[in-house]
Structure formats: C-alpha cells, structure tokens
PDB file of N, CA and C in Angstrom:
ATOM      1  N   MET A   1      97.885  74.019 127.359  1.00  0.00           N
ATOM      2  CA  MET A   1      97.490  72.877 126.569  1.00  0.00           C
ATOM      3  C   MET A   1      96.415  73.314 125.575  1.00  0.00           C
ATOM      4  N   GLY A   2      96.463  72.791 124.358  1.00  0.00           N
ATOM      5  CA  GLY A   2      95.522  73.144 123.309  1.00  0.00           C
ATOM      6  C   GLY A   2      94.185  72.467 123.478  1.00  0.00           C
ATOM      7  N   LYS A   3      93.422  72.569 122.435  1.00  0.00           N
ATOM      8  CA  LYS A   3      92.057  72.074 122.421  1.00  0.00           C
ATOM      9  C   LYS A   3      91.917  70.957 121.394  1.00  0.00           C
ATOM     10  N   SER A   4      90.973  70.073 121.617  1.00  0.00           N
ATOM     11  CA  SER A   4      90.675  69.022 120.644  1.00  0.00           C
ATOM     12  C   SER A   4      89.958  69.625 119.446  1.00  0.00           C
ATOM     13  N   THR A   5      90.014  68.896 118.326  1.00  0.00           N
ATOM     14  CA  THR A   5      89.433  69.407 117.089  1.00  0.00           C
ATOM     15  C   THR A   5      88.765  68.293 116.299  1.00  0.00           C
ATOM     16  N   PHE A   6      87.543  68.577 115.826  1.00  0.00           N
ATOM     17  CA  PHE A   6      86.899  67.734 114.836  1.00  0.00           C
ATOM     18  C   PHE A   6      87.375  68.245 113.482  1.00  0.00           C
ATOM     19  N   ILE A   7      87.975  67.386 112.686  1.00  0.00           N
ATOM     20  CA  ILE A   7      88.489  67.777 111.373  1.00  0.00           C
ATOM     21  C   ILE A   7      87.649  67.082 110.308  1.00  0.00           C
ATOM     22  N   ILE A   8      86.968  67.888 109.493  1.00  0.00           N
ATOM     23  CA  ILE A   8      86.115  67.370 108.429  1.00  0.00           C
ATOM     24  C   ILE A   8      86.933  67.264 107.152  1.00  0.00           C
ATOM     25  N   THR A   9      86.831  66.119 106.491  1.00  0.00           N
ATOM     26  CA  THR A   9      87.560  65.853 105.248  1.00  0.00           C
ATOM     27  C   THR A   9      86.579  65.448 104.161  1.00  0.00           C
ATOM     28  N   LYS A  10      86.803  65.950 102.953  1.00  0.00           N
ATOM     29  CA  LYS A  10      86.000  65.540 101.802  1.00  0.00           C
ATOM     30  C   LYS A  10      86.698  64.346 101.159  1.00  0.00           C
ATOM     31  N   THR A  11      85.939  63.281 100.900  1.00  0.00           N
ATOM     32  CA  THR A  11      86.504  62.071 100.300  1.00  0.00           C
ATOM     33  C   THR A  11      86.646  62.249  98.792  1.00  0.00           C
ATOM     34  N   ASP A  12      87.336  61.342  98.156  1.00  0.00           N
ATOM     35  CA  ASP A  12      87.540  61.404  96.705  1.00  0.00           C
ATOM     36  C   ASP A  12      86.234  61.355  95.918  1.00  0.00           C
ATOM     37  N   ASN A  13      85.216  60.722  96.492  1.00  0.00           N
ATOM     38  CA  ASN A  13      83.941  60.618  95.783  1.00  0.00           C
ATOM     39  C   ASN A  13      82.925  61.679  96.215  1.00  0.00           C
ATOM     40  N   GLY A  14      83.407  62.751  96.866  1.00  0.00           N
ATOM     41  CA  GLY A  14      82.553  63.883  97.200  1.00  0.00           C
ATOM     42  C   GLY A  14      81.738  63.759  98.466  1.00  0.00           C
ATOM     43  N   ARG A  15      82.010  62.756  99.263  1.00  0.00           N
ATOM     44  CA  ARG A  15      81.333  62.600 100.545  1.00  0.00           C
ATOM     45  C   ARG A  15      82.197  63.205 101.637  1.00  0.00           C
ATOM     46  N   PHE A  16      81.737  63.095 102.887  1.00  0.00           N
ATOM     47  CA  PHE A  16      82.453  63.732 103.990  1.00  0.00           C
ATOM     48  C   PHE A  16      82.585  62.780 105.170  1.00  0.00           C
ATOM     49  N   LEU A  17      83.668  62.960 105.916  1.00  0.00           N
ATOM     50  CA  LEU A  17      83.866  62.253 107.172  1.00  0.00           C
ATOM     51  C   LEU A  17      84.647  63.162 108.097  1.00  0.00           C
ATOM     52  N   PHE A  18      84.721  62.805 109.358  1.00  0.00           N
ATOM     53  CA  PHE A  18      85.500  63.605 110.298  1.00  0.00           C
ATOM     54  C   PHE A  18      86.286  62.690 111.220  1.00  0.00           C
ATOM     55  N   ARG A  19      87.291  63.279 111.813  1.00  0.00           N
ATOM     56  CA  ARG A  19      88.042  62.607 112.867  1.00  0.00           C
ATOM     57  C   ARG A  19      88.155  63.578 114.033  1.00  0.00           C
ATOM     58  N   LEU A  20      88.241  63.039 115.217  1.00  0.00           N
ATOM     59  CA  LEU A  20      88.447  63.849 116.412  1.00  0.00           C
ATOM     60  C   LEU A  20      89.887  63.679 116.821  1.00  0.00           C
ATOM     61  N   GLU A  21      90.612  64.788 116.864  1.00  0.00           N
ATOM     62  CA  GLU A  21      92.012  64.771 117.281  1.00  0.00           C
ATOM     63  C   GLU A  21      92.151  65.460 118.624  1.00  0.00           C
ATOM     64  N   ALA A  22      92.930  64.847 119.497  1.00  0.00           N
ATOM     65  CA  ALA A  22      93.252  65.457 120.787  1.00  0.00           C
ATOM     66  C   ALA A  22      94.198  66.638 120.550  1.00  0.00           C
ATOM     67  N   ALA A  23      94.420  67.407 121.580  1.00  0.00           N
ATOM     68  CA  ALA A  23      95.305  68.563 121.469  1.00  0.00           C
ATOM     69  C   ALA A  23      96.709  68.176 121.012  1.00  0.00           C
ATOM     70  N   ASN A  24      97.131  66.938 121.318  1.00  0.00           N
ATOM     71  CA  ASN A  24      98.463  66.473 120.933  1.00  0.00           C
ATOM     72  C   ASN A  24      98.485  65.876 119.518  1.00  0.00           C
ATOM     73  N   LYS A  25      97.371  66.051 118.769  1.00  0.00           N
ATOM     74  CA  LYS A  25      97.220  65.596 117.373  1.00  0.00           C
ATOM     75  C   LYS A  25      97.002  64.089 117.237  1.00  0.00           C
ATOM     76  N   MET A  26      96.850  63.385 118.335  1.00  0.00           N
ATOM     77  CA  MET A  26      96.536  61.950 118.279  1.00  0.00           C
ATOM     78  C   MET A  26      95.061  61.797 117.908  1.00  0.00           C
ATOM     79  N   MET A  27      94.772  60.867 116.979  1.00  0.00           N
ATOM     80  CA  MET A  27      93.399  60.641 116.588  1.00  0.00           C
ATOM     81  C   MET A  27      92.680  59.849 117.675  1.00  0.00           C
ATOM     82  N   ILE A  28      91.524  60.366 118.092  1.00  0.00           N
ATOM     83  CA  ILE A  28      90.724  59.705 119.119  1.00  0.00           C
ATOM     84  C   ILE A  28      89.691  58.790 118.465  1.00  0.00           C
ATOM     85  N   CYS A  29      89.051  59.276 117.409  1.00  0.00           N
ATOM     86  CA  CYS A  29      88.060  58.465 116.706  1.00  0.00           C
ATOM     87  C   CYS A  29      87.823  59.032 115.315  1.00  0.00           C
ATOM     88  N   ARG A  30      87.151  58.222 114.499  1.00  0.00           N
ATOM     89  CA  ARG A  30      86.839  58.616 113.125  1.00  0.00           C
ATOM     90  C   ARG A  30      85.369  58.287 112.872  1.00  0.00           C
ATOM     91  N   SER A  31      84.731  59.071 112.020  1.00  0.00           N
ATOM     92  CA  SER A  31      83.305  58.890 111.756  1.00  0.00           C
ATOM     93  C   SER A  31      83.035  57.941 110.609  1.00  0.00           C
ATOM     94  N   GLN A  32      81.767  57.683 110.414  1.00  0.00           N
ATOM     95  CA  GLN A  32      81.285  57.028 109.212  1.00  0.00           C
ATOM     96  C   GLN A  32      81.361  58.048 108.074  1.00  0.00           C
ATOM     97  N   VAL A  33      81.032  57.647 106.871  1.00  0.00           N
ATOM     98  CA  VAL A  33      81.013  58.557 105.725  1.00  0.00           C
ATOM     99  C   VAL A  33      79.613  59.131 105.595  1.00  0.00           C
ATOM    100  N   TYR A  34      79.557  60.446 105.376  1.00  0.00           N
ATOM    101  CA  TYR A  34      78.288  61.156 105.228  1.00  0.00           C
ATOM    102  C   TYR A  34      78.125  61.620 103.787  1.00  0.00           C
ATOM    103  N   GLU A  35      76.882  61.662 103.325  1.00  0.00           N
ATOM    104  CA  GLU A  35      76.573  62.072 101.956  1.00  0.00           C
ATOM    105  C   GLU A  35      76.786  63.565 101.728  1.00  0.00           C
ATOM    106  N   SER A  36      76.613  64.380 102.784  1.00  0.00           N
ATOM    107  CA  SER A  36      76.722  65.831 102.618  1.00  0.00           C
ATOM    108  C   SER A  36      77.506  66.449 103.766  1.00  0.00           C
ATOM    109  N   LEU A  37      77.991  67.657 103.541  1.00  0.00           N
ATOM    110  CA  LEU A  37      78.701  68.399 104.577  1.00  0.00           C
ATOM    111  C   LEU A  37      77.754  68.701 105.736  1.00  0.00           C
ATOM    112  N   ALA A  38      76.517  69.061 105.416  1.00  0.00           N
ATOM    113  CA  ALA A  38      75.535  69.365 106.464  1.00  0.00           C
ATOM    114  C   ALA A  38      75.289  68.150 107.358  1.00  0.00           C
ATOM    115  N   ALA A  39      75.173  66.970 106.764  1.00  0.00           N
ATOM    116  CA  ALA A  39      74.958  65.745 107.552  1.00  0.00           C
ATOM    117  C   ALA A  39      76.175  65.448 108.424  1.00  0.00           C
ATOM    118  N   CYS A  40      77.363  65.694 107.902  1.00  0.00           N
ATOM    119  CA  CYS A  40      78.600  65.480 108.659  1.00  0.00           C
ATOM    120  C   CYS A  40      78.641  66.406 109.876  1.00  0.00           C
ATOM    121  N   LYS A  41      78.318  67.674 109.657  1.00  0.00           N
ATOM    122  CA  LYS A  41      78.300  68.642 110.763  1.00  0.00           C
ATOM    123  C   LYS A  41      77.231  68.291 111.783  1.00  0.00           C
ATOM    124  N   ALA A  42      76.084  67.788 111.315  1.00  0.00           N
ATOM    125  CA  ALA A  42      75.024  67.362 112.236  1.00  0.00           C
ATOM    126  C   ALA A  42      75.500  66.173 113.069  1.00  0.00           C
ATOM    127  N   GLY A  43      76.291  65.278 112.469  1.00  0.00           N
ATOM    128  CA  GLY A  43      76.861  64.155 113.199  1.00  0.00           C
ATOM    129  C   GLY A  43      77.772  64.619 114.326  1.00  0.00           C
ATOM    130  N   ILE A  44      78.589  65.613 114.039  1.00  0.00           N
ATOM    131  CA  ILE A  44      79.480  66.173 115.064  1.00  0.00           C
ATOM    132  C   ILE A  44      78.662  66.766 116.203  1.00  0.00           C
ATOM    133  N   GLU A  45      77.629  67.534 115.874  1.00  0.00           N
ATOM    134  CA  GLU A  45      76.796  68.144 116.910  1.00  0.00           C
ATOM    135  C   GLU A  45      76.093  67.082 117.752  1.00  0.00           C
ATOM    136  N   SER A  46      75.675  65.991 117.120  1.00  0.00           N
ATOM    137  CA  SER A  46      75.035  64.909 117.853  1.00  0.00           C
ATOM    138  C   SER A  46      76.017  64.252 118.822  1.00  0.00           C
ATOM    139  N   ILE A  47      77.258  64.098 118.398  1.00  0.00           N
ATOM    140  CA  ILE A  47      78.276  63.535 119.287  1.00  0.00           C
ATOM    141  C   ILE A  47      78.522  64.466 120.458  1.00  0.00           C
ATOM    142  N   LYS A  48      78.665  65.763 120.170  1.00  0.00           N
ATOM    143  CA  LYS A  48      78.875  66.730 121.249  1.00  0.00           C
ATOM    144  C   LYS A  48      77.736  66.681 122.266  1.00  0.00           C
ATOM    145  N   LYS A  49      76.527  66.519 121.760  1.00  0.00           N
ATOM    146  CA  LYS A  49      75.338  66.500 122.617  1.00  0.00           C
ATOM    147  C   LYS A  49      75.235  65.203 123.423  1.00  0.00           C
ATOM    148  N   ASN A  50      75.539  64.068 122.802  1.00  0.00           N
ATOM    149  CA  ASN A  50      75.281  62.764 123.420  1.00  0.00           C
ATOM    150  C   ASN A  50      76.482  62.106 124.087  1.00  0.00           C
ATOM    151  N   CYS A  51      77.698  62.586 123.845  1.00  0.00           N
ATOM    152  CA  CYS A  51      78.895  61.883 124.329  1.00  0.00           C
ATOM    153  C   CYS A  51      79.025  61.870 125.843  1.00  0.00           C
ATOM    154  N   GLY A  52      78.378  62.802 126.512  1.00  0.00           N
ATOM    155  CA  GLY A  52      78.499  62.880 127.961  1.00  0.00           C
ATOM    156  C   GLY A  52      77.588  61.939 128.715  1.00  0.00           C
ATOM    157  N   THR A  53      76.794  61.143 127.989  1.00  0.00           N
ATOM    158  CA  THR A  53      75.912  60.214 128.686  1.00  0.00           C
ATOM    159  C   THR A  53      76.740  59.240 129.529  1.00  0.00           C
ATOM    160  N   THR A  54      76.251  58.962 130.691  1.00  0.00           N
ATOM    161  CA  THR A  54      76.960  58.021 131.563  1.00  0.00           C
ATOM    162  C   THR A  54      76.398  56.608 131.424  1.00  0.00           C
ATOM    163  N   THR A  55      75.374  56.449 130.588  1.00  0.00           N
ATOM    164  CA  THR A  55      74.765  55.142 130.392  1.00  0.00           C
ATOM    165  C   THR A  55      75.627  54.310 129.454  1.00  0.00           C
ATOM    166  N   THR A  56      76.037  53.151 129.934  1.00  0.00           N
ATOM    167  CA  THR A  56      76.820  52.228 129.119  1.00  0.00           C
ATOM    168  C   THR A  56      76.157  50.854 129.163  1.00  0.00           C
ATOM    169  N   GLU A  57      75.893  50.329 127.991  1.00  0.00           N
ATOM    170  CA  GLU A  57      75.335  48.986 127.856  1.00  0.00           C
ATOM    171  C   GLU A  57      76.500  48.051 127.566  1.00  0.00           C
ATOM    172  N   ASP A  58      76.867  47.249 128.553  1.00  0.00           N
ATOM    173  CA  ASP A  58      78.019  46.360 128.427  1.00  0.00           C
ATOM    174  C   ASP A  58      77.570  45.023 127.865  1.00  0.00           C
ATOM    175  N   GLN A  59      77.670  44.881 126.563  1.00  0.00           N
ATOM    176  CA  GLN A  59      77.228  43.673 125.877  1.00  0.00           C
ATOM    177  C   GLN A  59      78.251  42.542 125.959  1.00  0.00           C
ATOM    178  N   THR A  60      79.322  42.762 126.704  1.00  0.00           N
ATOM    179  CA  THR A  60      80.309  41.701 126.898  1.00  0.00           C
ATOM    180  C   THR A  60      79.956  40.815 128.085  1.00  0.00           C
ATOM    181  N   LEU A  61      78.988  41.231 128.868  1.00  0.00           N
ATOM    182  CA  LEU A  61      78.548  40.438 130.016  1.00  0.00           C
ATOM    183  C   LEU A  61      77.616  39.320 129.547  1.00  0.00           C
ATOM    184  N   GLN A  62      77.604  38.213 130.279  1.00  0.00           N
ATOM    185  CA  GLN A  62      76.708  37.115 129.910  1.00  0.00           C
ATOM    186  C   GLN A  62      75.252  37.544 129.962  1.00  0.00           C
ATOM    187  N   LYS A  63      74.881  38.264 131.001  1.00  0.00           N
ATOM    188  CA  LYS A  63      73.515  38.764 131.142  1.00  0.00           C
ATOM    189  C   LYS A  63      73.579  40.282 131.213  1.00  0.00           C
ATOM    190  N   TRP A  64      73.454  40.925 130.048  1.00  0.00           N
ATOM    191  CA  TRP A  64      73.475  42.381 130.037  1.00  0.00           C
ATOM    192  C   TRP A  64      72.066  42.902 129.856  1.00  0.00           C
ATOM    193  N   GLU A  65      71.870  44.093 130.388  1.00  0.00           N
ATOM    194  CA  GLU A  65      70.562  44.722 130.377  1.00  0.00           C
ATOM    195  C   GLU A  65      70.524  45.819 129.322  1.00  0.00           C
ATOM    196  N   THR A  66      69.481  45.815 128.500  1.00  0.00           N
ATOM    197  CA  THR A  66      69.325  46.855 127.491  1.00  0.00           C
ATOM    198  C   THR A  66      69.077  48.192 128.180  1.00  0.00           C
ATOM    199  N   GLN A  67      69.847  49.194 127.780  1.00  0.00           N
ATOM    200  CA  GLN A  67      69.732  50.536 128.352  1.00  0.00           C
ATOM    201  C   GLN A  67      69.003  51.458 127.373  1.00  0.00           C
ATOM    202  N   LYS A  68      68.466  52.529 127.897  1.00  0.00           N
ATOM    203  CA  LYS A  68      67.758  53.519 127.099  1.00  0.00           C
ATOM    204  C   LYS A  68      68.767  54.415 126.370  1.00  0.00           C
ATOM    205  N   ASN A  69      68.426  54.816 125.154  1.00  0.00           N
ATOM    206  CA  ASN A  69      69.259  55.757 124.394  1.00  0.00           C
ATOM    207  C   ASN A  69      69.085  57.165 124.948  1.00  0.00           C
ATOM    208  N   PRO A  70      70.070  58.046 124.861  1.00  0.00           N
ATOM    209  CA  PRO A  70      71.387  57.815 124.277  1.00  0.00           C
ATOM    210  C   PRO A  70      72.236  56.948 125.202  1.00  0.00           C
ATOM    211  N   LYS A  71      73.161  56.220 124.589  1.00  0.00           N
ATOM    212  CA  LYS A  71      73.994  55.315 125.374  1.00  0.00           C
ATOM    213  C   LYS A  71      75.256  54.946 124.605  1.00  0.00           C
ATOM    214  N   TRP A  72      76.227  54.516 125.357  1.00  0.00           N
ATOM    215  CA  TRP A  72      77.415  53.870 124.807  1.00  0.00           C
ATOM    216  C   TRP A  72      77.149  52.374 124.835  1.00  0.00           C
ATOM    217  N   GLU A  73      77.571  51.665 123.819  1.00  0.00           N
ATOM    218  CA  GLU A  73      77.524  50.214 123.817  1.00  0.00           C
ATOM    219  C   GLU A  73      78.950  49.699 123.736  1.00  0.00           C
ATOM    220  N   VAL A  74      79.286  48.762 124.600  1.00  0.00           N
ATOM    221  CA  VAL A  74      80.586  48.099 124.589  1.00  0.00           C
ATOM    222  C   VAL A  74      80.329  46.655 124.190  1.00  0.00           C
ATOM    223  N   TYR A  75      81.087  46.175 123.216  1.00  0.00           N
ATOM    224  CA  TYR A  75      80.863  44.821 122.708  1.00  0.00           C
ATOM    225  C   TYR A  75      82.188  44.209 122.252  1.00  0.00           C
ATOM    226  N   LEU A  76      82.168  42.906 122.000  1.00  0.00           N
ATOM    227  CA  LEU A  76      83.337  42.199 121.475  1.00  0.00           C
ATOM    228  C   LEU A  76      83.168  42.024 119.971  1.00  0.00           C
ATOM    229  N   ASP A  77      84.234  42.288 119.217  1.00  0.00           N
ATOM    230  CA  ASP A  77      84.191  42.086 117.770  1.00  0.00           C
ATOM    231  C   ASP A  77      84.546  40.637 117.428  1.00  0.00           C
ATOM    232  N   LYS A  78      84.577  40.326 116.153  1.00  0.00           N
ATOM    233  CA  LYS A  78      84.846  38.953 115.717  1.00  0.00           C
ATOM    234  C   LYS A  78      86.236  38.461 116.116  1.00  0.00           C
ATOM    235  N   ALA A  79      87.163  39.390 116.320  1.00  0.00           N
ATOM    236  CA  ALA A  79      88.517  39.033 116.723  1.00  0.00           C
ATOM    237  C   ALA A  79      88.648  38.912 118.244  1.00  0.00           C
ATOM    238  N   GLY A  80      87.541  39.138 118.968  1.00  0.00           N
ATOM    239  CA  GLY A  80      87.584  39.041 120.423  1.00  0.00           C
ATOM    240  C   GLY A  80      88.103  40.290 121.102  1.00  0.00           C
ATOM    241  N   GLU A  81      88.139  41.391 120.372  1.00  0.00           N
ATOM    242  CA  GLU A  81      88.593  42.661 120.951  1.00  0.00           C
ATOM    243  C   GLU A  81      87.394  43.524 121.316  1.00  0.00           C
ATOM    244  N   TYR A  82      87.609  44.417 122.278  1.00  0.00           N
ATOM    245  CA  TYR A  82      86.556  45.295 122.770  1.00  0.00           C
ATOM    246  C   TYR A  82      86.399  46.497 121.836  1.00  0.00           C
ATOM    247  N   ARG A  83      85.164  46.856 121.584  1.00  0.00           N
ATOM    248  CA  ARG A  83      84.839  48.033 120.776  1.00  0.00           C
ATOM    249  C   ARG A  83      83.682  48.774 121.432  1.00  0.00           C
ATOM    250  N   PHE A  84      83.483  50.021 120.999  1.00  0.00           N
ATOM    251  CA  PHE A  84      82.352  50.805 121.491  1.00  0.00           C
ATOM    252  C   PHE A  84      81.649  51.495 120.337  1.00  0.00           C
ATOM    253  N   ARG A  85      80.414  51.871 120.590  1.00  0.00           N
ATOM    254  CA  ARG A  85      79.663  52.734 119.678  1.00  0.00           C
ATOM    255  C   ARG A  85      78.769  53.623 120.535  1.00  0.00           C
ATOM    256  N   LEU A  86      78.455  54.789 119.994  1.00  0.00           N
ATOM    257  CA  LEU A  86      77.583  55.755 120.661  1.00  0.00           C
ATOM    258  C   LEU A  86      76.277  55.818 119.887  1.00  0.00           C
ATOM    259  N   LYS A  87      75.180  55.633 120.586  1.00  0.00           N
ATOM    260  CA  LYS A  87      73.855  55.702 119.967  1.00  0.00           C
ATOM    261  C   LYS A  87      73.149  56.964 120.451  1.00  0.00           C
ATOM    262  N   ALA A  88      72.521  57.652 119.513  1.00  0.00           N
ATOM    263  CA  ALA A  88      71.780  58.875 119.823  1.00  0.00           C
ATOM    264  C   ALA A  88      70.436  58.542 120.457  1.00  0.00           C
ATOM    265  N   SER A  89      69.711  59.556 120.856  1.00  0.00           N
ATOM    266  CA  SER A  89      68.395  59.377 121.472  1.00  0.00           C
ATOM    267  C   SER A  89      67.443  58.588 120.584  1.00  0.00           C
ATOM    268  N   ASN A  90      67.589  58.737 119.256  1.00  0.00           N
ATOM    269  CA  ASN A  90      66.717  58.035 118.314  1.00  0.00           C
ATOM    270  C   ASN A  90      67.214  56.626 117.981  1.00  0.00           C
ATOM    271  N   GLY A  91      68.295  56.203 118.623  1.00  0.00           N
ATOM    272  CA  GLY A  91      68.836  54.861 118.414  1.00  0.00           C
ATOM    273  C   GLY A  91      69.818  54.754 117.264  1.00  0.00           C
ATOM    274  N   GLN A  92      70.052  55.870 116.564  1.00  0.00           N
ATOM    275  CA  GLN A  92      70.984  55.854 115.437  1.00  0.00           C
ATOM    276  C   GLN A  92      72.417  55.752 115.942  1.00  0.00           C
ATOM    277  N   ASN A  93      73.192  54.902 115.287  1.00  0.00           N
ATOM    278  CA  ASN A  93      74.609  54.756 115.612  1.00  0.00           C
ATOM    279  C   ASN A  93      75.336  55.983 115.065  1.00  0.00           C
ATOM    280  N   ILE A  94      75.915  56.805 115.958  1.00  0.00           N
ATOM    281  CA  ILE A  94      76.559  58.033 115.499  1.00  0.00           C
ATOM    282  C   ILE A  94      78.080  58.001 115.590  1.00  0.00           C
ATOM    283  N   LEU A  95      78.623  57.024 116.272  1.00  0.00           N
ATOM    284  CA  LEU A  95      80.077  56.939 116.383  1.00  0.00           C
ATOM    285  C   LEU A  95      80.460  55.545 116.820  1.00  0.00           C
ATOM    286  N   GLY A  96      81.529  55.031 116.259  1.00  0.00           N
ATOM    287  CA  GLY A  96      82.043  53.734 116.675  1.00  0.00           C
ATOM    288  C   GLY A  96      83.557  53.769 116.730  1.00  0.00           C
ATOM    289  N   SER A  97      84.127  52.906 117.533  1.00  0.00           N
ATOM    290  CA  SER A  97      85.586  52.834 117.593  1.00  0.00           C
ATOM    291  C   SER A  97      86.106  52.332 116.253  1.00  0.00           C
ATOM    292  N   ASP A  98      87.212  52.887 115.812  1.00  0.00           N
ATOM    293  CA  ASP A  98      87.766  52.484 114.509  1.00  0.00           C
ATOM    294  C   ASP A  98      88.794  51.367 114.656  1.00  0.00           C
ATOM    295  N   HIS A  99      88.999  50.914 115.882  1.00  0.00           N
ATOM    296  CA  HIS A  99      89.894  49.781 116.123  1.00  0.00           C
ATOM    297  C   HIS A  99      89.454  49.059 117.387  1.00  0.00           C
ATOM    298  N   GLY A 100      89.891  47.821 117.525  1.00  0.00           N
ATOM    299  CA  GLY A 100      89.582  47.041 118.709  1.00  0.00           C
ATOM    300  C   GLY A 100      90.583  47.315 119.821  1.00  0.00           C
ATOM    301  N   TYR A 101      90.141  47.099 121.049  1.00  0.00           N
ATOM    302  CA  TYR A 101      90.990  47.248 122.234  1.00  0.00           C
ATOM    303  C   TYR A 101      91.214  45.866 122.829  1.00  0.00           C
ATOM    304  N   LYS A 102      92.419  45.613 123.300  1.00  0.00           N
ATOM    305  CA  LYS A 102      92.745  44.327 123.925  1.00  0.00           C
ATOM    306  C   LYS A 102      92.052  44.156 125.271  1.00  0.00           C
ATOM    307  N   SER A 103      91.784  45.266 125.962  1.00  0.00           N
ATOM    308  CA  SER A 103      91.167  45.182 127.286  1.00  0.00           C
ATOM    309  C   SER A 103      89.908  46.044 127.346  1.00  0.00           C
ATOM    310  N   LYS A 104      89.004  45.651 128.233  1.00  0.00           N
ATOM    311  CA  LYS A 104      87.796  46.455 128.426  1.00  0.00           C
ATOM    312  C   LYS A 104      88.152  47.815 129.011  1.00  0.00           C
ATOM    313  N   SER A 105      89.144  47.855 129.880  1.00  0.00           N
ATOM    314  CA  SER A 105      89.524  49.140 130.475  1.00  0.00           C
ATOM    315  C   SER A 105      90.065  50.102 129.411  1.00  0.00           C
ATOM    316  N   GLY A 106      90.775  49.574 128.418  1.00  0.00           N
ATOM    317  CA  GLY A 106      91.242  50.415 127.318  1.00  0.00           C
ATOM    318  C   GLY A 106      90.083  50.960 126.512  1.00  0.00           C
ATOM    319  N   CYS A 107      89.094  50.127 126.270  1.00  0.00           N
ATOM    320  CA  CYS A 107      87.892  50.534 125.544  1.00  0.00           C
ATOM    321  C   CYS A 107      87.151  51.622 126.323  1.00  0.00           C
ATOM    322  N   MET A 108      86.993  51.417 127.615  1.00  0.00           N
ATOM    323  CA  MET A 108      86.322  52.406 128.451  1.00  0.00           C
ATOM    324  C   MET A 108      87.112  53.717 128.489  1.00  0.00           C
ATOM    325  N   GLY A 109      88.447  53.620 128.407  1.00  0.00           N
ATOM    326  CA  GLY A 109      89.281  54.815 128.338  1.00  0.00           C
ATOM    327  C   GLY A 109      89.043  55.587 127.044  1.00  0.00           C
ATOM    328  N   GLY A 110      88.786  54.860 125.951  1.00  0.00           N
ATOM    329  CA  GLY A 110      88.461  55.508 124.683  1.00  0.00           C
ATOM    330  C   GLY A 110      87.167  56.297 124.784  1.00  0.00           C
ATOM    331  N   ILE A 111      86.164  55.701 125.423  1.00  0.00           N
ATOM    332  CA  ILE A 111      84.892  56.391 125.639  1.00  0.00           C
ATOM    333  C   ILE A 111      85.106  57.651 126.474  1.00  0.00           C
ATOM    334  N   LYS A 112      85.875  57.508 127.544  1.00  0.00           N
ATOM    335  CA  LYS A 112      86.140  58.644 128.433  1.00  0.00           C
ATOM    336  C   LYS A 112      86.861  59.765 127.686  1.00  0.00           C
ATOM    337  N   SER A 113      87.791  59.401 126.828  1.00  0.00           N
ATOM    338  CA  SER A 113      88.528  60.400 126.058  1.00  0.00           C
ATOM    339  C   SER A 113      87.589  61.184 125.132  1.00  0.00           C
ATOM    340  N   ILE A 114      86.673  60.482 124.480  1.00  0.00           N
ATOM    341  CA  ILE A 114      85.716  61.163 123.603  1.00  0.00           C
ATOM    342  C   ILE A 114      84.808  62.067 124.430  1.00  0.00           C
ATOM    343  N   ALA A 115      84.313  61.563 125.556  1.00  0.00           N
ATOM    344  CA  ALA A 115      83.434  62.361 126.409  1.00  0.00           C
ATOM    345  C   ALA A 115      84.137  63.608 126.929  1.00  0.00           C
ATOM    346  N   ASN A 116      85.427  63.494 127.221  1.00  0.00           N
ATOM    347  CA  ASN A 116      86.186  64.636 127.741  1.00  0.00           C
ATOM    348  C   ASN A 116      86.579  65.630 126.657  1.00  0.00           C
ATOM    349  N   ASN A 117      86.808  65.144 125.442  1.00  0.00           N
ATOM    350  CA  ASN A 117      87.363  65.996 124.393  1.00  0.00           C
ATOM    351  C   ASN A 117      86.348  66.547 123.397  1.00  0.00           C
ATOM    352  N   SER A 118      85.178  65.937 123.277  1.00  0.00           N
ATOM    353  CA  SER A 118      84.216  66.342 122.249  1.00  0.00           C
ATOM    354  C   SER A 118      83.429  67.622 122.524  1.00  0.00           C
ATOM    355  N   PRO A 119      82.885  67.804 123.724  1.00  0.00           N
ATOM    356  CA  PRO A 119      81.928  68.894 123.910  1.00  0.00           C
ATOM    357  C   PRO A 119      82.404  70.287 123.497  1.00  0.00           C
ATOM    358  N   ASP A 120      83.633  70.629 123.772  1.00  0.00           N
ATOM    359  CA  ASP A 120      84.099  71.974 123.425  1.00  0.00           C
ATOM    360  C   ASP A 120      85.141  71.966 122.298  1.00  0.00           C
ATOM    361  N   ALA A 121      85.209  70.865 121.561  1.00  0.00           N
ATOM    362  CA  ALA A 121      86.180  70.770 120.466  1.00  0.00           C
ATOM    363  C   ALA A 121      85.820  71.722 119.324  1.00  0.00           C
ATOM    364  N   ASP A 122      86.836  72.278 118.721  1.00  0.00           N
ATOM    365  CA  ASP A 122      86.640  73.108 117.533  1.00  0.00           C
ATOM    366  C   ASP A 122      86.253  72.212 116.365  1.00  0.00           C
ATOM    367  N   VAL A 123      85.660  72.792 115.339  1.00  0.00           N
ATOM    368  CA  VAL A 123      85.324  72.082 114.111  1.00  0.00           C
ATOM    369  C   VAL A 123      85.978  72.835 112.964  1.00  0.00           C
ATOM    370  N   VAL A 124      86.816  72.123 112.185  1.00  0.00           N
ATOM    371  CA  VAL A 124      87.470  72.750 111.029  1.00  0.00           C
ATOM    372  C   VAL A 124      87.287  71.857 109.814  1.00  0.00           C
ATOM    373  N   GLU A 125      87.244  72.486 108.654  1.00  0.00           N
ATOM    374  CA  GLU A 125      87.160  71.763 107.402  1.00  0.00           C
ATOM    375  C   GLU A 125      88.553  71.731 106.786  1.00  0.00           C
ATOM    376  N   GLU A 126      89.028  70.529 106.507  1.00  0.00           N
ATOM    377  CA  GLU A 126      90.345  70.367 105.906  1.00  0.00           C
ATOM    378  C   GLU A 126      90.280  70.797 104.438  1.00  0.00           C
ATOM    379  N   LYS A 127      91.273  71.481 104.007  1.00  0.00           N
ATOM    380  CA  LYS A 127      91.315  71.965 102.617  1.00  0.00           C
ATOM    381  C   LYS A 127      91.979  70.963 101.717  1.00  0.00           C
TER     382      LYS A 127
END
C-alpha cells in the first residue's frame, strides 16, 4: 500500500493551497489559501505536528467544555451537518473539513483519517 501525500498547488492569483490525498488518491482534506509557499509548507508542518492530538471539543453537545489547544473542534454548520477544524497550540485554525458530514461518526472518521495519514505523508508541489 502507498503513502498519503500533501499536494501543494499554486492558485491563479499566485497564492498557495494544499490537499491531503490518501494512498488511493481520495482527497481527505483541503487547506485554506496561503499568501506564500513558505506559509503553505508551515501549515502542513503544523498539521503534521498537531493532528495526533486526542483532545476533541464537541461543540454539538448542549453543555460542552472548552478544551486546551491544540485540539479538534466538532461543530454543526448552518445546514445541520457535522464539521471539524484543527486548532494549533496558539489557537490558530489550521485545517477545516471542506464538506459537511451527515453523522457525527462520519465526521470523527474524517478526523481519524487525517490523524492516521498526515504525520508521515510526503509533500509535493504540483507543477
């Protein structure tokens, strides 16, 4: 079985973003847009460093407790679907789901997939 890959792409306006692809080429997640290649690469390194946190702040509960960063946050979007985001130690949002999940278990599976696939993923720049 192959390895996951962070693929960096330059946008039409000269900015950068990345996506994480599993070994089977399925997209796991996509990043925000970064102003520079260096910032994009730093974002990837931050994800690799922070994705293994087991702390999850479940904001879908009626009474949820604020957790310390780094952490995953699970929340409901305006359409009532589950989403996640990863916050770094400094509280900066470094990754978010690019789509909603119908179930919380599906959302949690997305987090698990990123945690399993990110740490040793290759990084390539798309030409």
